[in-house]
N, C-alpha and C. Protein backbone atom coordinates (compact mmCIF):
# COMPACT_ATOMS: atom_id res chain seq x y z
N UNK A 1 0.60 -1.26 0.02
CA UNK A 1 -0.15 -0.20 -0.25
C UNK A 1 0.82 1.32 0.00
N UNK A 2 0.50 2.14 -1.03
CA UNK A 2 1.33 3.36 -1.06
C UNK A 2 0.43 4.58 -0.84
N UNK A 3 0.97 5.39 -0.25
CA UNK A 3 0.10 6.69 -0.10
C UNK A 3 -0.15 7.47 -1.54
N UNK A 4 -1.10 7.99 -2.01
CA UNK A 4 -1.59 8.75 -3.17
C UNK A 4 -0.59 9.81 -3.69
N UNK A 5 -0.23 10.60 -2.81
CA UNK A 5 0.89 11.27 -3.09
C UNK A 5 2.17 10.96 -3.85
N UNK A 6 2.59 10.16 -2.90
CA UNK A 6 3.76 9.10 -3.10
C UNK A 6 3.63 8.65 -4.60
N UNK A 7 2.66 7.72 -4.65
CA UNK A 7 2.48 7.13 -5.91
C UNK A 7 2.62 8.20 -7.21
N UNK A 8 1.88 9.23 -6.96
CA UNK A 8 1.92 10.09 -8.12
C UNK A 8 3.02 10.71 -8.49
N UNK A 9 3.94 11.12 -7.37
CA UNK A 9 5.39 11.56 -7.59
C UNK A 9 6.22 10.56 -8.14
N UNK A 10 5.95 9.26 -7.74
CA UNK A 10 6.99 8.19 -8.44
C UNK A 10 6.54 8.08 -9.98
N UNK A 11 5.27 8.09 -10.20
CA UNK A 11 4.86 7.85 -11.69
C UNK A 11 5.25 9.17 -12.35
N UNK A 12 4.93 9.93 -11.89
CA UNK A 12 5.40 11.25 -12.93
C UNK A 12 6.78 11.88 -12.96
N UNK A 13 7.60 11.77 -11.61
CA UNK A 13 8.93 12.39 -11.74
C UNK A 13 10.00 11.56 -11.27
N UNK A 14 9.46 10.24 -10.98
CA UNK A 14 10.83 9.19 -10.57
C UNK A 14 10.79 8.73 -9.44
N UNK A 15 11.63 8.38 -8.79
CA UNK A 15 11.71 7.57 -7.33
C UNK A 15 12.12 8.60 -6.27
N UNK A 16 11.52 8.49 -5.18
CA UNK A 16 11.88 9.12 -4.18
C UNK A 16 13.22 8.98 -3.40
N UNK A 17 14.11 9.93 -3.47
CA UNK A 17 15.43 9.41 -2.63
C UNK A 17 15.04 8.72 -1.15
N UNK A 18 16.02 7.67 -0.99
CA UNK A 18 16.12 7.16 0.25
C UNK A 18 15.96 8.11 1.53
N UNK A 19 15.08 7.79 2.67
CA UNK A 19 14.90 8.48 3.73
C UNK A 19 14.31 9.94 3.54
N UNK A 20 13.66 10.33 2.20
CA UNK A 20 13.29 11.47 2.07
C UNK A 20 11.62 11.37 2.65
N UNK A 21 11.49 12.76 2.74
CA UNK A 21 9.72 12.79 2.87
C UNK A 21 9.42 13.78 1.62
N UNK A 22 8.15 13.53 1.14
CA UNK A 22 7.54 14.67 0.26
C UNK A 22 6.78 15.89 0.96
N UNK A 23 7.65 17.04 0.66
CA UNK A 23 7.11 18.34 1.42
C UNK A 23 6.12 18.82 0.14
N UNK A 24 4.79 19.05 0.73
CA UNK A 24 3.73 19.80 -0.19
C UNK A 24 3.99 21.10 0.11
N UNK A 25 4.57 21.77 -1.22
CA UNK A 25 4.99 23.37 -1.54
C UNK A 25 3.62 23.84 -1.44
N UNK A 26 2.62 23.36 -1.77
CA UNK A 26 1.21 24.23 -1.83
C UNK A 26 0.46 24.23 -0.65
N UNK A 27 1.16 23.41 0.68
CA UNK A 27 0.63 23.44 1.69
C UNK A 27 -0.71 22.66 2.05
N UNK A 28 -1.05 22.15 0.85
CA UNK A 28 -2.46 21.14 0.92
C UNK A 28 -2.22 19.88 1.03
N UNK A 29 -2.35 19.50 2.14
CA UNK A 29 -1.87 17.81 2.22
C UNK A 29 -2.70 16.68 1.72
N UNK A 30 -3.95 17.18 1.31
CA UNK A 30 -4.37 16.11 0.36
C UNK A 30 -4.13 16.23 -1.33
N UNK A 31 -3.17 17.20 -1.69
CA UNK A 31 -2.65 17.59 -2.82
C UNK A 31 -2.17 16.44 -3.38
N UNK A 32 -2.41 15.99 -4.64
CA UNK A 32 -1.51 14.60 -5.14
C UNK A 32 -0.70 15.13 -6.42
N UNK A 33 -0.82 16.68 -6.79
CA UNK A 33 -0.10 17.06 -7.96
C UNK A 33 1.43 16.86 -7.49
N UNK A 34 2.10 15.96 -8.29
CA UNK A 34 3.59 15.69 -8.20
C UNK A 34 4.62 16.98 -8.57
N UNK A 35 3.98 17.97 -8.98
CA UNK A 35 4.90 19.35 -9.27
C UNK A 35 4.74 20.15 -8.18
N UNK A 36 3.95 19.79 -7.12
CA UNK A 36 3.56 20.46 -5.85
C UNK A 36 4.33 19.81 -4.63
N UNK A 37 5.19 18.80 -5.15
CA UNK A 37 5.76 18.00 -4.12
C UNK A 37 7.32 18.31 -4.16
N UNK A 38 8.06 18.00 -3.03
CA UNK A 38 9.50 18.21 -3.34
C UNK A 38 10.19 17.35 -2.16
N UNK A 39 11.16 16.63 -2.73
CA UNK A 39 11.70 15.54 -1.39
C UNK A 39 12.70 16.42 -0.68
N UNK A 40 12.48 16.29 0.50
CA UNK A 40 13.27 16.72 1.37
C UNK A 40 13.39 15.85 2.72
N UNK A 41 14.44 16.26 3.82
CA UNK A 41 14.59 15.38 4.99
C UNK A 41 13.41 15.40 5.80
N UNK A 42 13.43 14.78 6.80
CA UNK A 42 12.20 14.84 7.42
C UNK A 42 12.58 16.33 8.30
N UNK A 43 13.45 16.45 8.86
CA UNK A 43 13.80 17.79 9.55
C UNK A 43 13.61 18.95 8.74
N UNK A 44 13.94 19.21 7.41
CA UNK A 44 13.53 20.11 6.59
C UNK A 44 12.15 20.30 6.51
N UNK A 45 11.39 19.13 6.46
CA UNK A 45 9.89 19.04 6.30
C UNK A 45 9.21 19.70 7.16
N UNK A 46 9.75 19.29 8.72
CA UNK A 46 9.25 19.95 9.66
C UNK A 46 9.49 21.37 9.82
N UNK A 47 10.47 21.76 9.56
CA UNK A 47 10.81 23.20 9.84
C UNK A 47 10.13 24.27 8.84
N UNK A 48 9.78 23.62 7.76
CA UNK A 48 9.02 24.38 6.63
C UNK A 48 7.74 24.28 6.80
N UNK A 49 7.17 23.26 7.59
CA UNK A 49 5.46 23.43 7.96
C UNK A 49 5.20 24.37 9.02
N UNK A 50 3.84 24.33 8.95
CA UNK A 50 2.88 25.14 9.95
C UNK A 50 2.81 24.79 11.53
N UNK A 51 3.48 23.71 11.63
CA UNK A 51 3.16 23.16 12.98
C UNK A 51 4.14 23.78 14.13
N UNK A 52 3.96 23.15 15.25
CA UNK A 52 4.74 23.99 16.40
C UNK A 52 6.27 24.11 16.14
N UNK A 53 6.59 23.06 15.47
CA UNK A 53 8.15 23.14 15.22
C UNK A 53 8.60 24.12 14.13
N UNK A 54 8.18 24.18 13.11
CA UNK A 54 8.21 25.01 11.97
C UNK A 54 7.93 26.44 12.73
N UNK A 55 6.88 26.83 13.32
CA UNK A 55 6.54 28.02 13.61
C UNK A 55 7.72 28.64 14.81
N UNK A 56 7.99 27.67 15.57
CA UNK A 56 8.99 28.18 16.75
C UNK A 56 10.51 28.45 16.05
N UNK A 57 10.80 27.68 14.83
CA UNK A 57 11.90 27.95 14.42
C UNK A 57 12.18 29.01 13.42
N UNK A 58 11.09 29.48 13.12
CA UNK A 58 11.00 30.93 12.26
C UNK A 58 11.02 32.10 13.38
N UNK A 59 10.95 32.20 14.55
CA UNK A 59 10.84 33.05 15.47
C UNK A 59 12.36 33.56 15.51
N UNK A 60 12.33 34.78 15.42
CA UNK A 60 13.48 35.61 15.34
C UNK A 60 13.48 36.54 16.75
N UNK A 61 12.66 36.50 17.70
CA UNK A 61 12.74 37.27 18.99
C UNK A 61 11.98 36.61 20.23
N UNK A 62 12.63 36.86 21.37
CA UNK A 62 11.57 36.33 22.41
C UNK A 62 10.53 36.98 22.46
N UNK A 63 9.51 36.51 23.45
CA UNK A 63 8.24 37.19 23.51
C UNK A 63 8.29 38.65 24.24
N UNK A 64 9.62 39.05 24.66
CA UNK A 64 9.61 40.24 25.25
C UNK A 64 10.25 41.05 23.94
N UNK A 65 10.76 40.58 23.06
CA UNK A 65 10.99 41.46 21.91
C UNK A 65 12.57 41.38 21.66
N UNK A 66 13.58 40.73 22.63
CA UNK A 66 14.81 40.62 22.49
C UNK A 66 15.07 39.61 21.07
N UNK A 67 16.13 40.30 20.47
CA UNK A 67 16.22 38.81 19.48
C UNK A 67 17.00 37.86 19.70
N UNK A 68 16.79 36.65 19.09
CA UNK A 68 17.48 35.70 19.39
C UNK A 68 18.97 35.75 18.58
N UNK A 69 20.03 35.65 19.44
CA UNK A 69 21.42 35.66 18.85
C UNK A 69 22.28 34.86 19.50
N UNK A 70 23.29 34.86 18.80
CA UNK A 70 24.31 33.63 19.45
C UNK A 70 24.77 33.99 20.68
N UNK A 71 25.03 35.16 21.04
CA UNK A 71 25.69 35.54 22.60
C UNK A 71 24.74 35.43 23.54
N UNK A 72 23.33 35.92 23.38
CA UNK A 72 22.18 35.82 24.23
C UNK A 72 21.12 34.86 24.33
N UNK A 73 21.41 33.61 23.71
CA UNK A 73 20.28 33.18 23.55
C UNK A 73 20.83 31.67 23.97
N UNK A 74 20.26 30.88 24.74
CA UNK A 74 20.64 29.52 25.00
C UNK A 74 19.92 28.32 24.96
N UNK A 75 20.37 27.33 24.45
CA UNK A 75 19.74 26.09 23.86
C UNK A 75 19.98 25.01 24.75
N UNK A 76 18.92 24.18 25.27
CA UNK A 76 18.78 23.27 26.15
C UNK A 76 18.80 21.97 25.60
N UNK A 77 19.96 21.64 24.66
CA UNK A 77 19.97 20.39 23.89
C UNK A 77 19.41 20.38 22.54
N UNK A 78 18.97 21.61 22.13
CA UNK A 78 18.35 21.97 20.79
C UNK A 78 16.90 21.95 20.77
N UNK A 79 16.24 21.50 21.77
CA UNK A 79 14.80 21.16 21.88
C UNK A 79 14.13 22.60 22.25
N UNK A 80 14.76 23.31 23.18
CA UNK A 80 14.16 24.74 23.71
C UNK A 80 15.30 25.71 23.59
N UNK A 81 14.85 26.98 23.65
CA UNK A 81 15.86 28.02 23.56
C UNK A 81 15.14 29.15 24.66
N UNK A 82 15.91 29.92 25.13
CA UNK A 82 15.61 31.07 26.08
C UNK A 82 16.38 32.27 25.92
N UNK A 83 15.93 33.28 26.10
CA UNK A 83 16.50 34.37 26.21
C UNK A 83 17.42 34.75 27.42
N UNK A 84 18.57 34.87 27.38
CA UNK A 84 19.35 35.13 28.21
C UNK A 84 19.20 36.57 29.26
N UNK A 85 18.80 37.63 28.62
CA UNK A 85 18.47 38.76 29.13
C UNK A 85 16.99 38.54 29.91
N UNK A 86 16.17 37.99 29.40
CA UNK A 86 14.79 37.97 30.30
C UNK A 86 15.12 36.72 31.42
N UNK A 87 15.75 35.73 31.25
CA UNK A 87 16.14 34.65 32.24
C UNK A 87 16.77 35.33 33.35
N UNK A 88 17.90 36.17 32.91
CA UNK A 88 18.55 36.79 34.07
C UNK A 88 17.92 37.99 34.81
N UNK A 89 16.72 38.79 34.22
CA UNK A 89 16.05 39.70 34.58
C UNK A 89 15.28 38.80 35.79
N UNK A 90 14.30 37.65 35.20
CA UNK A 90 13.75 37.08 36.12
C UNK A 90 14.36 36.35 37.43
N UNK A 91 15.72 36.01 37.45
CA UNK A 91 16.68 35.47 38.45
C UNK A 91 16.64 36.74 39.34
N UNK A 92 17.04 37.97 38.80
CA UNK A 92 17.21 39.20 39.75
C UNK A 92 16.11 39.42 40.55
N UNK A 93 14.73 39.31 39.81
CA UNK A 93 13.50 39.64 40.43
C UNK A 93 13.17 38.51 41.63
N UNK A 94 13.41 37.37 41.39
CA UNK A 94 13.28 36.52 42.25
C UNK A 94 14.01 36.61 43.52
N UNK A 95 15.38 37.16 43.32
CA UNK A 95 16.28 37.06 44.35
C UNK A 95 16.05 38.52 45.30
N UNK A 96 15.33 39.45 44.54
CA UNK A 96 14.90 40.56 45.28
C UNK A 96 13.84 40.25 46.00
N UNK A 97 12.66 39.65 45.75
CA UNK A 97 11.56 39.27 46.37
C UNK A 97 11.99 38.28 47.61
N UNK A 98 12.96 37.45 47.36
CA UNK A 98 13.10 36.57 48.49
C UNK A 98 14.07 37.40 49.47
N UNK A 99 15.22 38.23 49.07
CA UNK A 99 15.59 39.41 50.15
C UNK A 99 14.74 40.07 50.65
N UNK A 100 13.72 40.52 50.15
CA UNK A 100 12.77 41.49 50.91
C UNK A 100 11.79 40.79 51.89
N UNK A 101 11.73 39.39 51.30
CA UNK A 101 10.67 38.39 52.39
C UNK A 101 11.72 38.02 53.53
N UNK A 102 13.04 37.80 53.39
CA UNK A 102 14.01 37.34 54.60
C UNK A 102 13.92 38.85 55.53
N UNK A 103 14.13 40.15 55.04
CA UNK A 103 14.46 41.14 55.75
C UNK A 103 13.05 41.23 56.36
N UNK A 104 11.72 41.09 55.73
CA UNK A 104 10.52 41.49 56.59
C UNK A 104 10.28 40.55 57.51
N UNK A 105 10.94 39.25 57.36
CA UNK A 105 10.75 38.36 58.20
C UNK A 105 11.35 38.61 59.69
N UNK A 106 12.56 39.26 59.59
CA UNK A 106 13.47 39.48 60.63
C UNK A 106 13.01 40.66 61.33
N UNK A 107 12.11 41.62 60.89
CA UNK A 107 11.57 42.66 61.77
C UNK A 107 10.68 42.25 62.74
């Protein structure tokens, strides 16, 4: 059993390279037009898509608007990234709350 879009591609354009996925360039998953399909790696297909992986990969700044750059962006093994400006600011605010609490408890 073969999916319709894969069969159409192979009939019209030739074999699909080993390990490749067919990316729907038209973004219509039910489309079987072989000229709307491109063989790419699974990773490339996910990054091009409109799912969470693709959407997050295309983000260029954190929710606060700081740009994701090499110096001030940290990745935890490639799955998540965080803005070090925001992370450090949150840590400073947490420390200040802790100090104020300790100071007020001592009064």
